[in-house]
Amino acid sequence: GGDGTASFALTCVFKVLMLESDEFNGYRWSTDDMNDFFPALVQLPLGTGNDLAGILGWGRTIDPAANPKGAQCWFKKALSVQSPVRAFDVWGMFPPADGDGFKVCMLNGLDKDGSPLFKVAGPSVPFLTLLYFSMGRDAFVVAQVEHHRTESQIMNKAQYLVQAGQAVLGPGASNVNLDGVEVVGVEETSKLRLFPPSRLKAAEFQTVGFMNINSLSAGTIESREQASFSDEKMDFYCESAFSAIPKITKKLQLAIPTEKHHHALWRVDGGKHPYTFIQYDGEGRVLFHPSGGFFELRVRQVMQIPVVVDVENEGPPASQPVPATLRFIGSEAEKAEAQQRIYQLAHGELSAELNATFEEVSALEQRARQRSRGPDVVQAKDRSSLRKTTSGAITTICEAPCTIQ
């Protein structure tokens, strides 16, 4: 399937293995069996970008109907016991412990003035992410592509180009706004403000996020210092609209500067912007506070899982020789929290907790219309000054170090 099916498949495995109860109460298998026999993940590249399959060496596209022999060879190799297994980091997104957090909905297109329309989200909610996560322009593009998605892989890829242009120059460009967003890196003994960078404003940027694999946008973007999927760190990046392209590799890929961090706290001031577009593993959602207030999102590693790789074609392999088994990460309290959230995700409780109701979605849509009638948060003169200082380049990457004391 596509990249978003990885977390879904993982959730299905946990649902089968978890004991039936009102809350998480252990597994049907022993601890040794969970470590020794937990299924290793492999992706058949049937989606649009297929970043996971690409980085693990299993190709960017496959058509079993048009090439059945090729598909047979793929399955034979993927299921072979000779194919090696790597450890793979999995990250979790947690709302505040006090319960006063965000709600989730989906984009339902734009009206004639570019103001967003929303709808109630489905059962898939933002919690586990294996590949990448971001807020802003990239997430808005993903949401638009999802709204216009077809059965054709080629047409869906074309939609990414169309919607990327619309996100910069189209009537919906005002929806890409990070004003009020702050990201703090949380280490054992200190906290660092990661975003916005020193002496800059959040509204000057269009995307902020992190990578877990060394591939974005169907492999067209990678980290300048290769992101490893087993180093227990997120590769943090931020992009604006007009800074110079930092580096183009021999494969015509954009190589963006990143910073490695273990934990991050995302803070969003809903009073400055009533909604925030996010994408996780290529799944687009909209986050907002029901009363238009402030909310937080904690991001940390929750576990490592085994994945199957094709050693002849894989991207950056495991950065260190760690056992390729299921392993939960963190303190005992953090491990318990993660497993309880996985249980809730598998049994539909997270969707009931996080998904906005029809009334909440309607109220958000009304606030979005009211905002679209007012002045843009990012003033035109600010964008003009950015163009002058960056020579009018097309794409944006935060070239200066993003971390400040």
Protein backbone atom coordinates (compact mmCIF):
# COMPACT_ATOMS: atom_id res chain seq x y z
CA GLY A 1 0.00 0.00 0.00
CA GLY A 2 0.94 3.65 0.39
CA ASP A 3 3.16 5.15 3.08
CA GLY A 4 0.22 5.81 5.39
CA THR A 5 -0.65 2.11 5.53
CA ALA A 6 2.51 1.31 7.53
CA SER A 7 1.13 2.61 10.85
CA PHE A 8 -2.26 1.05 10.05
CA ALA A 9 -0.69 -2.37 9.50
CA LEU A 10 1.31 -2.00 12.71
CA THR A 11 -1.86 -1.12 14.62
CA CYS A 12 -3.63 -4.20 13.24
CA VAL A 13 -0.79 -6.45 14.44
CA PHE A 14 -0.98 -4.98 17.94
CA LYS A 15 -4.76 -5.34 18.04
CA VAL A 16 -4.46 -9.07 17.35
CA LEU A 17 -1.71 -9.55 19.95
CA MET A 18 -3.19 -7.46 22.79
CA LEU A 19 -5.38 -9.11 25.40
CA GLU A 20 -9.04 -8.11 25.34
CA SER A 21 -9.79 -5.76 28.23
CA ASP A 22 -11.13 -2.30 29.02
CA GLU A 23 -7.55 -1.01 28.83
CA PHE A 24 -4.12 -2.32 27.93
CA ASN A 25 -3.47 -5.44 30.00
CA GLY A 26 -0.63 -7.22 28.24
CA TYR A 27 -0.22 -9.49 25.23
CA ARG A 28 -1.29 -12.98 24.21
CA TRP A 29 2.38 -13.79 23.64
CA SER A 30 5.12 -13.91 26.24
CA THR A 31 7.78 -11.18 26.35
CA ASP A 32 10.30 -13.54 24.73
CA ASP A 33 7.86 -14.40 21.95
CA MET A 34 7.12 -10.71 21.32
CA ASN A 35 10.85 -10.06 20.98
CA ASP A 36 11.62 -13.13 18.87
CA PHE A 37 8.57 -13.41 16.62
CA PHE A 38 7.07 -9.93 16.21
CA PRO A 39 6.39 -9.60 12.44
CA ALA A 40 8.86 -7.57 10.40
CA LEU A 41 7.31 -4.84 8.23
CA VAL A 42 7.80 -4.57 4.46
CA GLN A 43 5.96 -2.26 2.05
CA LEU A 44 4.62 -3.22 -1.38
CA PRO A 45 4.92 0.14 -3.24
CA LEU A 46 1.34 0.68 -4.40
CA GLY A 47 0.98 4.27 -3.19
CA THR A 48 1.96 7.63 -4.68
CA GLY A 49 5.31 8.49 -3.07
CA ASN A 50 6.30 5.14 -1.56
CA ASP A 51 9.08 6.70 0.50
CA LEU A 52 9.18 3.77 2.93
CA ALA A 53 9.50 1.10 0.24
CA GLY A 54 12.08 3.22 -1.56
CA ILE A 55 14.32 3.73 1.47
CA LEU A 56 14.11 0.03 2.42
CA GLY A 57 15.11 -0.96 -1.10
CA TRP A 58 11.79 -2.37 -2.35
CA GLY A 59 11.24 0.10 -5.19
CA ARG A 60 9.18 3.23 -5.78
CA THR A 61 6.39 1.61 -7.82
CA ILE A 62 5.03 -1.76 -8.84
CA ASP A 63 2.05 -2.88 -10.92
CA PRO A 64 1.19 -6.54 -10.19
CA ALA A 65 -1.50 -6.55 -12.89
CA ALA A 66 0.77 -5.30 -15.68
CA ASN A 67 3.86 -7.18 -14.51
CA PRO A 68 2.80 -10.34 -12.62
CA LYS A 69 6.22 -11.99 -12.96
CA GLY A 70 7.89 -8.91 -11.48
CA ALA A 71 5.43 -9.00 -8.59
CA GLN A 72 6.13 -12.71 -8.01
CA CYS A 73 9.85 -12.01 -7.83
CA TRP A 74 9.18 -9.12 -5.42
CA PHE A 75 7.15 -11.30 -3.04
CA LYS A 76 9.64 -14.15 -3.23
CA LYS A 77 12.50 -11.89 -2.20
CA ALA A 78 10.53 -9.88 0.39
CA LEU A 79 9.31 -13.05 2.14
CA SER A 80 12.63 -14.88 1.95
CA VAL A 81 14.31 -15.70 5.25
CA GLN A 82 17.55 -14.68 3.55
CA SER A 83 16.43 -11.03 3.35
CA PRO A 84 17.95 -9.14 6.32
CA VAL A 85 15.98 -7.32 9.00
CA ARG A 86 16.80 -3.87 10.42
CA ALA A 87 15.64 -1.98 13.51
CA PHE A 88 13.30 0.91 12.68
CA ASP A 89 12.31 3.85 14.92
CA VAL A 90 8.61 4.64 15.46
CA TRP A 91 7.49 8.00 16.86
CA GLY A 92 4.38 8.98 18.79
CA MET A 93 2.39 12.22 19.01
CA PHE A 94 0.78 12.89 22.38
CA PRO A 95 -1.69 15.58 23.49
CA PRO A 96 -1.29 17.34 26.86
CA ALA A 97 -1.78 15.14 29.90
CA ASP A 98 -4.48 17.48 31.28
CA GLY A 99 -6.80 16.64 28.37
CA ASP A 100 -7.19 20.25 27.21
CA GLY A 101 -5.77 19.57 23.79
CA PHE A 102 -6.41 19.75 20.09
CA LYS A 103 -9.14 18.34 17.89
CA VAL A 104 -8.71 16.81 14.45
CA CYS A 105 -10.65 17.21 11.20
CA MET A 106 -9.97 17.01 7.45
CA LEU A 107 -9.90 19.46 4.57
CA ASN A 108 -12.97 19.34 2.33
CA GLY A 109 -11.74 21.71 -0.38
CA LEU A 110 -11.67 25.50 -0.67
CA ASP A 111 -14.45 27.96 -1.43
CA LYS A 112 -14.14 30.50 -4.26
CA ASP A 113 -12.22 32.91 -2.02
CA GLY A 114 -9.71 30.27 -0.94
CA SER A 115 -11.18 29.84 2.52
CA PRO A 116 -10.94 26.18 3.66
CA LEU A 117 -13.92 23.90 4.06
CA PHE A 118 -13.69 21.10 6.61
CA LYS A 119 -15.26 17.74 7.33
CA VAL A 120 -15.29 15.20 10.13
CA ALA A 121 -12.21 12.95 9.96
CA GLY A 122 -12.25 9.17 9.60
CA PRO A 123 -10.98 6.56 12.08
CA SER A 124 -7.28 7.13 11.28
CA VAL A 125 -5.94 9.71 13.74
CA PRO A 126 -2.46 11.21 14.26
CA PHE A 127 -0.53 9.16 16.78
CA LEU A 128 2.08 6.80 15.29
CA THR A 129 4.41 8.07 12.59
CA LEU A 130 7.18 6.07 10.93
CA LEU A 131 8.43 8.33 8.14
CA TYR A 132 7.97 12.06 8.72
CA PHE A 133 5.79 14.76 10.23
CA SER A 134 5.29 18.43 9.34
CA MET A 135 3.12 21.50 9.79
CA GLY A 136 2.41 24.14 7.15
CA ARG A 137 2.73 24.22 3.37
CA ASP A 138 3.69 20.57 2.81
CA ALA A 139 0.78 19.46 4.97
CA PHE A 140 -1.64 21.76 3.12
CA VAL A 141 -0.48 20.28 -0.19
CA VAL A 142 -1.02 16.75 1.14
CA ALA A 143 -4.53 17.68 2.32
CA GLN A 144 -5.37 19.14 -1.09
CA VAL A 145 -4.05 16.05 -2.89
CA GLU A 146 -6.10 13.81 -0.63
CA HIS A 147 -9.20 15.85 -1.46
CA HIS A 148 -8.52 15.46 -5.22
CA ARG A 149 -7.18 11.89 -5.06
CA THR A 150 -7.94 9.52 -7.93
CA GLU A 151 -7.27 5.84 -8.63
CA SER A 152 -4.36 6.80 -10.92
CA GLN A 153 -0.87 6.94 -9.42
CA ILE A 154 0.28 9.20 -12.26
CA MET A 155 -2.60 11.64 -11.78
CA ASN A 156 -1.99 11.75 -8.03
CA LYS A 157 1.67 12.61 -8.59
CA ALA A 158 0.57 15.35 -10.99
CA GLN A 159 -1.74 16.68 -8.28
CA TYR A 160 1.25 17.19 -6.00
CA LEU A 161 2.78 19.54 -8.57
CA VAL A 162 -0.51 21.38 -9.11
CA GLN A 163 -1.26 21.79 -5.42
CA ALA A 164 2.32 22.78 -4.57
CA GLY A 165 1.96 25.72 -6.97
CA GLN A 166 -1.44 26.60 -5.56
CA ALA A 167 -0.04 26.58 -2.02
CA VAL A 168 2.43 29.33 -3.01
CA LEU A 169 0.55 31.38 -5.62
CA GLY A 170 -3.08 30.24 -5.57
CA PRO A 171 -6.10 31.59 -3.65
CA GLY A 172 -5.46 29.11 -0.83
CA ALA A 173 -1.91 30.36 -0.16
CA SER A 174 -3.10 32.33 2.88
CA ASN A 175 -3.91 29.02 4.57
CA VAL A 176 -0.18 28.29 4.83
CA ASN A 177 0.66 30.17 7.99
CA LEU A 178 2.88 29.17 10.92
CA ASP A 179 2.33 32.32 12.96
CA GLY A 180 1.88 31.23 16.56
CA VAL A 181 3.81 27.94 16.13
CA GLU A 182 6.80 27.24 18.34
CA VAL A 183 8.87 24.05 18.63
CA VAL A 184 11.01 23.27 21.67
CA GLY A 185 13.57 20.48 21.80
CA VAL A 186 13.37 18.64 25.11
CA GLU A 187 16.56 16.91 26.22
CA GLU A 188 17.36 15.30 29.57
CA THR A 189 18.84 18.40 31.18
CA SER A 190 17.77 21.28 28.95
CA LYS A 191 15.24 22.75 26.56
CA LEU A 192 16.15 24.41 23.27
CA ARG A 193 13.90 26.51 21.08
CA LEU A 194 14.10 24.89 17.66
CA PHE A 195 11.54 27.01 15.85
CA PRO A 196 11.34 29.79 14.89
CA PRO A 197 15.09 30.25 14.42
CA SER A 198 16.88 33.06 16.21
CA ARG A 199 15.91 36.60 15.12
CA LEU A 200 13.24 35.28 12.76
CA LYS A 201 9.45 35.06 13.01
CA ALA A 202 7.42 31.90 12.58
CA ALA A 203 5.22 33.66 10.01
CA GLU A 204 8.24 33.97 7.71
CA PHE A 205 8.31 30.18 7.30
CA GLN A 206 6.00 27.81 5.48
CA THR A 207 6.94 24.36 6.76
CA VAL A 208 8.42 22.95 9.95
CA GLY A 209 8.83 19.24 10.58
CA PHE A 210 11.11 16.25 11.03
CA MET A 211 12.25 13.23 9.04
CA ASN A 212 12.78 9.68 10.32
CA ILE A 213 13.88 8.34 6.92
CA ASN A 214 16.17 9.94 4.37
CA SER A 215 13.41 10.54 1.83
CA LEU A 216 10.65 13.11 1.32
CA SER A 217 8.30 13.73 -1.60
CA ALA A 218 8.88 10.43 -3.40
CA GLY A 219 12.64 10.64 -2.89
CA THR A 220 13.11 14.14 -4.35
CA ILE A 221 14.22 15.55 -0.98
CA GLU A 222 16.74 14.11 1.47
CA SER A 223 18.66 15.28 4.52
CA ARG A 224 22.07 16.84 3.94
CA GLU A 225 23.39 14.62 6.74
CA GLN A 226 21.61 11.39 5.97
CA ALA A 227 18.67 10.68 8.25
CA SER A 228 18.92 7.23 9.77
CA PHE A 229 15.77 5.32 10.67
CA SER A 230 17.42 3.57 13.64
CA ASP A 231 19.41 6.28 15.46
CA GLU A 232 16.56 7.14 17.88
CA LYS A 233 16.60 10.77 16.72
CA MET A 234 14.30 12.94 14.62
CA ASP A 235 15.93 15.03 11.87
CA PHE A 236 14.36 18.45 12.33
CA TYR A 237 14.01 20.98 9.47
CA CYS A 238 12.21 24.21 8.61
CA GLU A 239 11.50 25.88 5.27
CA SER A 240 10.53 29.36 4.14
CA ALA A 241 9.32 30.41 0.72
CA PHE A 242 12.16 32.43 -0.71
CA SER A 243 15.54 31.28 0.61
CA ALA A 244 18.11 29.79 -1.70
CA ILE A 245 18.19 26.08 -2.50
CA PRO A 246 20.96 24.81 -0.22
CA LYS A 247 22.29 21.88 -2.23
CA ILE A 248 21.30 19.71 -5.17
CA THR A 249 22.76 16.20 -5.24
CA LYS A 250 24.04 14.32 -8.28
CA LYS A 251 20.67 12.53 -8.38
CA LEU A 252 18.90 15.92 -8.71
CA GLN A 253 17.57 15.69 -5.17
CA LEU A 254 17.27 18.59 -2.76
CA ALA A 255 19.54 18.04 0.25
CA ILE A 256 18.15 20.06 3.16
CA PRO A 257 19.94 20.96 6.41
CA THR A 258 18.60 19.19 9.48
CA GLU A 259 19.29 18.88 13.20
CA LYS A 260 18.96 15.72 15.29
CA HIS A 261 16.86 15.73 18.48
CA HIS A 262 15.31 13.10 20.76
CA HIS A 263 12.09 14.84 21.88
CA ALA A 264 10.13 17.87 20.73
CA LEU A 265 7.21 19.90 22.06
CA TRP A 266 5.07 21.68 19.46
CA ARG A 267 3.13 24.68 20.77
CA VAL A 268 0.39 26.31 18.72
CA ASP A 269 -1.40 29.56 19.57
CA GLY A 270 -4.87 29.18 18.09
CA GLY A 271 -5.54 32.84 18.77
CA LYS A 272 -3.12 33.80 16.00
CA HIS A 273 -4.30 31.20 13.50
CA PRO A 274 -7.47 29.15 14.10
CA TYR A 275 -6.27 25.96 12.38
CA THR A 276 -3.00 24.22 11.52
CA PHE A 277 -2.41 21.76 8.69
CA ILE A 278 -0.29 18.72 9.55
CA GLN A 279 0.81 15.64 7.67
CA TYR A 280 2.17 12.43 9.14
CA ASP A 281 3.47 9.73 6.79
CA GLY A 282 1.62 11.46 3.94
CA GLU A 283 -1.75 11.57 5.75
CA GLY A 284 -3.21 15.08 5.88
CA ARG A 285 -5.17 16.41 8.86
CA VAL A 286 -6.17 19.74 10.42
CA LEU A 287 -5.49 20.48 14.10
CA PHE A 288 -7.30 23.16 16.09
CA HIS A 289 -8.45 24.05 19.58
CA PRO A 290 -12.27 24.01 19.87
CA SER A 291 -12.31 27.39 21.61
CA GLY A 292 -9.56 28.88 19.46
CA GLY A 293 -7.00 28.65 22.26
CA PHE A 294 -3.50 27.34 22.80
CA PHE A 295 -2.59 23.64 22.46
CA GLU A 296 0.50 21.43 22.60
CA LEU A 297 1.70 18.30 20.85
CA ARG A 298 4.47 16.16 22.38
CA VAL A 299 6.56 14.09 19.97
CA ARG A 300 8.90 11.33 21.15
CA GLN A 301 10.07 7.89 20.12
CA VAL A 302 7.84 5.12 21.38
CA MET A 303 9.44 1.96 19.99
CA GLN A 304 11.64 0.21 17.47
CA ILE A 305 10.23 -2.47 15.19
CA PRO A 306 11.84 -4.90 12.72
CA VAL A 307 11.66 -4.11 8.99
CA VAL A 308 12.77 -6.18 5.99
CA VAL A 309 15.27 -4.60 3.58
CA ASP A 310 16.66 -5.37 0.15
CA VAL A 311 20.38 -4.89 0.81
CA GLU A 312 21.12 -4.32 -2.88
CA ASN A 313 18.91 -1.23 -3.10
CA GLU A 314 18.25 0.08 0.42
CA GLY A 315 18.96 3.63 1.46
CA PRO A 316 21.00 4.56 4.56
CA PRO A 317 20.98 1.35 6.66
CA ALA A 318 20.83 1.03 10.41
CA SER A 319 23.25 3.51 11.99
CA GLN A 320 24.26 1.12 14.76
CA PRO A 321 24.08 -2.65 15.33
CA VAL A 322 20.92 -2.75 17.45
CA PRO A 323 18.75 -5.87 17.70
CA ALA A 324 16.02 -5.89 15.05
CA THR A 325 13.20 -6.81 17.43
CA LEU A 326 10.21 -5.07 19.01
CA ARG A 327 11.50 -2.73 21.70
CA PHE A 328 9.56 -0.02 23.53
CA ILE A 329 11.56 3.14 24.32
CA GLY A 330 11.60 5.38 27.39
CA SER A 331 10.93 5.16 31.10
CA GLU A 332 8.51 2.58 32.46
CA ALA A 333 5.82 5.29 32.65
CA GLU A 334 6.48 6.31 29.03
CA LYS A 335 6.35 2.70 27.85
CA ALA A 336 3.04 2.19 29.65
CA GLU A 337 1.64 5.43 28.17
CA ALA A 338 2.61 4.39 24.64
CA GLN A 339 1.11 0.92 24.92
CA GLN A 340 -2.12 2.30 26.37
CA ARG A 341 -2.39 4.76 23.45
CA ILE A 342 -1.75 1.95 20.96
CA TYR A 343 -4.53 -0.06 22.61
CA GLN A 344 -6.87 2.93 22.36
CA LEU A 345 -5.88 3.48 18.71
CA ALA A 346 -6.50 -0.17 17.84
CA HIS A 347 -9.93 -0.15 19.48
CA GLY A 348 -11.21 3.14 18.07
CA GLU A 349 -10.96 5.08 21.33
CA LEU A 350 -8.43 7.60 20.02
CA SER A 351 -10.67 8.60 17.14
CA ALA A 352 -13.49 9.24 19.60
CA GLU A 353 -11.12 11.33 21.75
CA LEU A 354 -9.38 13.33 19.02
CA ASN A 355 -11.81 13.67 16.12
CA ALA A 356 -13.91 16.82 16.15
CA THR A 357 -17.68 16.60 16.07
CA PHE A 358 -19.77 18.03 13.24
CA GLU A 359 -20.64 21.03 15.42
CA GLU A 360 -16.97 21.70 16.23
CA VAL A 361 -16.03 21.43 12.56
CA SER A 362 -18.81 23.84 11.59
CA ALA A 363 -17.66 26.36 14.20
CA LEU A 364 -14.07 26.11 12.92
CA GLU A 365 -15.23 26.71 9.37
CA GLN A 366 -17.05 29.84 10.50
CA ARG A 367 -13.91 31.15 12.22
CA ALA A 368 -11.91 30.42 9.05
CA ARG A 369 -14.37 32.47 6.96
CA GLN A 370 -14.18 35.37 9.38
CA ARG A 371 -10.39 35.28 9.25
CA SER A 372 -10.31 35.20 5.43
CA ARG A 373 -12.19 38.50 5.33
CA GLY A 374 -9.52 40.20 7.45
CA PRO A 375 -5.91 41.15 6.61
CA ASP A 376 -3.33 38.41 6.16
CA VAL A 377 -1.29 37.61 9.21
CA VAL A 378 1.85 37.71 7.09
CA GLN A 379 2.03 41.22 5.64
CA ALA A 380 2.99 41.70 2.01
CA LYS A 381 5.86 43.97 2.97
CA ASP A 382 7.39 41.16 5.04
CA ARG A 383 7.32 38.83 2.02
CA SER A 384 8.76 41.57 -0.15
CA SER A 385 11.71 42.03 2.20
CA LEU A 386 12.28 38.28 2.20
CA ARG A 387 12.44 38.28 -1.61
CA LYS A 388 15.07 41.03 -1.55
CA THR A 389 17.30 39.24 0.96
CA THR A 390 17.09 35.87 -0.78
CA SER A 391 17.37 36.90 -4.42
CA GLY A 392 13.91 35.64 -5.29
CA ALA A 393 14.72 31.93 -5.13
CA ILE A 394 11.87 29.48 -5.33
CA THR A 395 12.28 27.07 -2.46
CA THR A 396 13.06 27.55 1.14
CA ILE A 397 15.19 25.96 3.62
CA CYS A 398 16.26 27.28 7.01
CA GLU A 399 19.97 27.55 6.17
CA ALA A 400 21.08 28.96 9.52
CA PRO A 401 21.18 26.64 12.57
CA CYS A 402 17.65 26.30 13.92
CA THR A 403 18.61 25.73 17.53
CA ILE A 404 19.15 28.54 20.02
CA GLN A 405 19.84 28.48 23.72
